[in-house]
Amino acid sequence: MRLRFLGKETQGGGSPTLFDTDEIVNGKEVYVIQGWRITDPETLSQLDIPDHETVIAVPKRLMSHLPKDDPHGADEG
């Protein structure tokens, strides 16, 4: 998978980062997001997470790096 850097929210090492890619995952165009892994059992118990997925948290400001003209059809739902 080839990644194209879009932006990051620097907070020391391991900063949450946003990437674009031309890769198709499960038939969908995707962004790749690096963030903080959520391990809190109470939070995870509120979610239905398939074995092939994970949950991360990122600063809301990271989303400001999304392209204004979203080539991935964000309005598709």
N, C-alpha and C. Protein backbone atom coordinates (compact mmCIF):
# COMPACT_ATOMS: atom_id res chain seq x y z
N MET A 1 0.86 -1.18 0.00
CA MET A 1 0.00 0.00 0.00
C MET A 1 0.89 1.23 0.00
N ARG A 2 0.71 2.08 -0.98
CA ARG A 2 1.47 3.33 -1.04
C ARG A 2 0.67 4.43 -0.34
N LEU A 3 1.30 5.11 0.62
CA LEU A 3 0.63 6.16 1.39
C LEU A 3 1.10 7.54 0.94
N ARG A 4 0.16 8.50 0.97
CA ARG A 4 0.48 9.90 0.68
C ARG A 4 0.13 10.70 1.93
N PHE A 5 1.15 11.31 2.55
CA PHE A 5 0.99 12.08 3.77
C PHE A 5 0.04 13.26 3.52
N LEU A 6 -0.94 13.44 4.42
CA LEU A 6 -1.84 14.58 4.34
C LEU A 6 -1.62 15.57 5.48
N GLY A 7 -1.27 15.07 6.67
CA GLY A 7 -1.05 15.99 7.79
C GLY A 7 -0.96 15.23 9.10
N LYS A 8 -0.51 15.96 10.13
CA LYS A 8 -0.40 15.35 11.45
C LYS A 8 -0.66 16.38 12.52
N GLU A 9 -0.97 15.91 13.69
CA GLU A 9 -1.12 16.74 14.88
C GLU A 9 0.03 16.38 15.80
N THR A 10 1.10 17.16 15.75
CA THR A 10 2.32 16.84 16.46
C THR A 10 2.15 17.02 17.96
N GLN A 11 2.50 15.95 18.67
CA GLN A 11 2.46 15.96 20.13
C GLN A 11 3.59 15.10 20.65
N GLY A 12 4.78 15.30 20.13
CA GLY A 12 5.90 14.45 20.48
C GLY A 12 5.94 13.24 19.58
N GLY A 13 6.56 12.18 20.00
CA GLY A 13 6.66 10.97 19.20
C GLY A 13 5.32 10.30 18.97
N GLY A 14 5.19 9.62 17.86
CA GLY A 14 3.97 8.88 17.56
C GLY A 14 2.76 9.75 17.33
N SER A 15 2.95 10.89 16.70
CA SER A 15 1.84 11.83 16.49
C SER A 15 0.75 11.23 15.61
N PRO A 16 -0.54 11.48 15.94
CA PRO A 16 -1.62 11.06 15.06
C PRO A 16 -1.41 11.66 13.66
N THR A 17 -1.57 10.83 12.64
CA THR A 17 -1.24 11.22 11.28
C THR A 17 -2.31 10.72 10.32
N LEU A 18 -2.55 11.49 9.25
CA LEU A 18 -3.54 11.15 8.25
C LEU A 18 -2.86 10.95 6.91
N PHE A 19 -3.21 9.84 6.23
CA PHE A 19 -2.65 9.51 4.92
C PHE A 19 -3.78 9.23 3.94
N ASP A 20 -3.50 9.48 2.67
CA ASP A 20 -4.39 9.05 1.59
C ASP A 20 -3.72 7.88 0.89
N THR A 21 -4.49 7.09 0.17
CA THR A 21 -3.95 5.97 -0.59
C THR A 21 -4.89 5.67 -1.74
N ASP A 22 -4.37 5.05 -2.77
CA ASP A 22 -5.20 4.59 -3.88
C ASP A 22 -5.68 3.17 -3.65
N GLU A 23 -5.28 2.58 -2.54
CA GLU A 23 -5.65 1.20 -2.21
C GLU A 23 -7.17 1.07 -2.03
N ILE A 24 -7.71 -0.01 -2.50
CA ILE A 24 -9.12 -0.33 -2.31
C ILE A 24 -9.20 -1.39 -1.21
N VAL A 25 -9.98 -1.11 -0.16
CA VAL A 25 -10.15 -2.03 0.96
C VAL A 25 -11.63 -2.39 1.05
N ASN A 26 -11.92 -3.68 0.99
CA ASN A 26 -13.32 -4.14 1.02
C ASN A 26 -14.17 -3.40 0.00
N GLY A 27 -13.59 -3.13 -1.18
CA GLY A 27 -14.32 -2.48 -2.25
C GLY A 27 -14.50 -0.98 -2.10
N LYS A 28 -13.81 -0.36 -1.13
CA LYS A 28 -13.97 1.07 -0.86
C LYS A 28 -12.62 1.78 -0.91
N GLU A 29 -12.64 3.05 -1.40
CA GLU A 29 -11.46 3.89 -1.26
C GLU A 29 -11.35 4.29 0.20
N VAL A 30 -10.12 4.41 0.72
CA VAL A 30 -9.94 4.64 2.15
C VAL A 30 -8.87 5.69 2.43
N TYR A 31 -8.93 6.25 3.62
CA TYR A 31 -7.82 7.00 4.22
C TYR A 31 -7.20 6.08 5.26
N VAL A 32 -5.93 6.29 5.56
CA VAL A 32 -5.25 5.55 6.62
C VAL A 32 -4.96 6.55 7.74
N ILE A 33 -5.36 6.19 8.95
CA ILE A 33 -5.21 7.09 10.10
C ILE A 33 -4.38 6.40 11.18
N GLN A 34 -3.35 7.08 11.61
CA GLN A 34 -2.55 6.63 12.75
C GLN A 34 -3.03 7.39 13.97
N GLY A 35 -3.37 6.68 15.03
CA GLY A 35 -3.85 7.36 16.23
C GLY A 35 -3.55 6.54 17.48
N TRP A 36 -4.17 6.95 18.57
CA TRP A 36 -3.95 6.27 19.84
C TRP A 36 -4.90 5.09 19.96
N ARG A 37 -4.36 3.92 20.23
CA ARG A 37 -5.17 2.71 20.38
C ARG A 37 -6.06 2.85 21.61
N ILE A 38 -7.32 2.51 21.45
CA ILE A 38 -8.26 2.52 22.57
C ILE A 38 -8.27 1.13 23.19
N THR A 39 -7.94 1.08 24.48
CA THR A 39 -7.91 -0.20 25.19
C THR A 39 -8.84 -0.23 26.40
N ASP A 40 -9.47 0.90 26.70
CA ASP A 40 -10.35 0.99 27.86
C ASP A 40 -11.53 0.03 27.71
N PRO A 41 -11.66 -0.98 28.59
CA PRO A 41 -12.73 -1.97 28.47
C PRO A 41 -14.13 -1.37 28.45
N GLU A 42 -14.37 -0.32 29.22
CA GLU A 42 -15.71 0.29 29.26
C GLU A 42 -16.05 0.91 27.90
N THR A 43 -15.09 1.59 27.31
CA THR A 43 -15.30 2.17 25.97
C THR A 43 -15.53 1.08 24.94
N LEU A 44 -14.67 0.07 24.95
CA LEU A 44 -14.78 -1.01 23.96
C LEU A 44 -16.07 -1.80 24.11
N SER A 45 -16.60 -1.89 25.33
CA SER A 45 -17.84 -2.66 25.54
C SER A 45 -19.05 -1.99 24.88
N GLN A 46 -18.92 -0.72 24.54
CA GLN A 46 -20.01 0.01 23.89
C GLN A 46 -20.01 -0.18 22.38
N LEU A 47 -19.01 -0.87 21.86
CA LEU A 47 -18.83 -1.03 20.42
C LEU A 47 -18.91 -2.49 20.01
N ASP A 48 -19.29 -2.72 18.78
CA ASP A 48 -19.31 -4.06 18.20
C ASP A 48 -18.19 -4.10 17.17
N ILE A 49 -17.00 -4.55 17.59
CA ILE A 49 -15.81 -4.48 16.75
C ILE A 49 -15.48 -5.87 16.21
N PRO A 50 -15.59 -6.06 14.89
CA PRO A 50 -15.21 -7.34 14.31
C PRO A 50 -13.72 -7.61 14.53
N ASP A 51 -13.33 -8.87 14.52
CA ASP A 51 -11.94 -9.26 14.76
C ASP A 51 -10.96 -8.61 13.78
N HIS A 52 -11.41 -8.27 12.58
CA HIS A 52 -10.52 -7.70 11.58
C HIS A 52 -10.45 -6.18 11.64
N GLU A 53 -11.06 -5.56 12.66
CA GLU A 53 -11.04 -4.11 12.82
C GLU A 53 -10.47 -3.73 14.19
N THR A 54 -10.12 -2.45 14.33
CA THR A 54 -9.67 -1.92 15.61
C THR A 54 -10.24 -0.52 15.77
N VAL A 55 -10.10 0.06 16.94
CA VAL A 55 -10.62 1.39 17.21
C VAL A 55 -9.47 2.26 17.68
N ILE A 56 -9.39 3.48 17.11
CA ILE A 56 -8.36 4.43 17.53
C ILE A 56 -9.01 5.76 17.82
N ALA A 57 -8.29 6.62 18.51
CA ALA A 57 -8.73 7.98 18.78
C ALA A 57 -7.71 8.93 18.16
N VAL A 58 -8.21 10.01 17.56
CA VAL A 58 -7.35 11.04 16.98
C VAL A 58 -7.90 12.41 17.33
N PRO A 59 -7.06 13.43 17.37
CA PRO A 59 -7.57 14.77 17.63
C PRO A 59 -8.51 15.21 16.51
N LYS A 60 -9.59 15.87 16.85
CA LYS A 60 -10.52 16.36 15.84
C LYS A 60 -9.82 17.28 14.84
N ARG A 61 -8.82 18.01 15.30
CA ARG A 61 -8.10 18.92 14.39
C ARG A 61 -7.40 18.17 13.27
N LEU A 62 -7.11 16.88 13.45
CA LEU A 62 -6.47 16.10 12.40
C LEU A 62 -7.34 16.07 11.15
N MET A 63 -8.65 16.09 11.33
CA MET A 63 -9.57 16.03 10.18
C MET A 63 -9.49 17.28 9.32
N SER A 64 -8.88 18.35 9.83
CA SER A 64 -8.72 19.56 9.01
C SER A 64 -7.79 19.31 7.82
N HIS A 65 -7.05 18.21 7.85
CA HIS A 65 -6.14 17.87 6.76
C HIS A 65 -6.83 17.09 5.64
N LEU A 66 -8.11 16.73 5.82
CA LEU A 66 -8.83 16.06 4.75
C LEU A 66 -8.98 17.01 3.57
N PRO A 67 -8.84 16.52 2.36
CA PRO A 67 -9.02 17.40 1.20
C PRO A 67 -10.41 18.02 1.21
N LYS A 68 -10.50 19.28 0.84
CA LYS A 68 -11.80 19.97 0.82
C LYS A 68 -12.73 19.35 -0.21
N ASP A 69 -12.19 18.97 -1.36
CA ASP A 69 -12.96 18.28 -2.39
C ASP A 69 -12.64 16.80 -2.24
N ASP A 70 -13.36 16.12 -1.36
CA ASP A 70 -13.05 14.75 -0.98
C ASP A 70 -13.14 13.81 -2.17
N PRO A 71 -11.97 13.30 -2.66
CA PRO A 71 -11.99 12.41 -3.81
C PRO A 71 -12.56 11.03 -3.48
N HIS A 72 -12.82 10.78 -2.20
CA HIS A 72 -13.29 9.46 -1.80
C HIS A 72 -14.79 9.45 -1.51
N GLY A 73 -15.49 10.49 -1.91
CA GLY A 73 -16.94 10.47 -1.80
C GLY A 73 -17.46 10.39 -0.38
N ALA A 74 -17.01 11.31 0.50
CA ALA A 74 -17.42 11.28 1.90
C ALA A 74 -18.94 11.37 2.05
N ASP A 75 -19.62 11.91 1.04
CA ASP A 75 -21.07 12.03 1.15
C ASP A 75 -21.80 10.73 0.83
N GLU A 76 -21.08 9.65 0.53
CA GLU A 76 -21.70 8.38 0.21
C GLU A 76 -22.24 7.65 1.42
N GLY A 77 -21.72 8.00 2.62
CA GLY A 77 -22.20 7.36 3.85
C GLY A 77 -21.62 6.05 4.02
